Amino acid sequence: MEVFPSKKVFGCALLLVLAQLAVSVALAQVMPPPRMYSAEDRATLQNYKLTEDHLAKAITAEKQIKAAMAQDPTLERSMRQTPQLSLAASIHHIDSHAKLSEAVRNAGLNSRDFVLTTHCAIYTFSELDAKSRGATKEALARQFPISSSAQQIAFVQAHKSQIEELMHLGTARRVF
């Protein structure tokens, strides 16, 4: 008996495995290493409330940042050379670049809410993805030392497509 009854089924299964691998690789690039989180950062992230308004504005800001980076190669290089930062350093990084801070402000957010919204949304999405893939409790504790709040988990589950869009835009991961 064949494991895959047809080439079409085999092809679909192979594409699914490759897509899951691509998402896992992308998520690994997004998440800062656990040692980055100070006690203050942990408390701030755990207590941050995600909102539809902030998520929509963060996506708008990401689009504007991506456009600014396309027009300014020095900004793109600066973003790529920036190591993963603490929350305060990420906020300062945005504030110290006029084009970044302008894009965030024009979208209707301040730098703090932009960083916290993008970080919490991506972090929680990644945590849930790892859980759905069967990560062990030990692996989850190493990769995700901050437990996402019930509000963050419910929010991410309800807004998965918007968070995937945020991740696809990809500029946020360069700041933290």
Foldseek 3Di string as FASTA:
>chain_A
DDPQPDPVSVVVVVVVVVVLVVVLVLLVLQADFPVQDDPVLLVCLQPDFADPLLLQLLLQLLVQLLVVCVVDVVSVVVLQPDDAHGLVQLLVVQVVDPSSQVSSVVSPHGSSSSLSNLVSLSLLLSLVSCVVVPPDPVVSCRRPVRDHYPNSNVVCVVCVVSNVSSSVSPSSSSSD
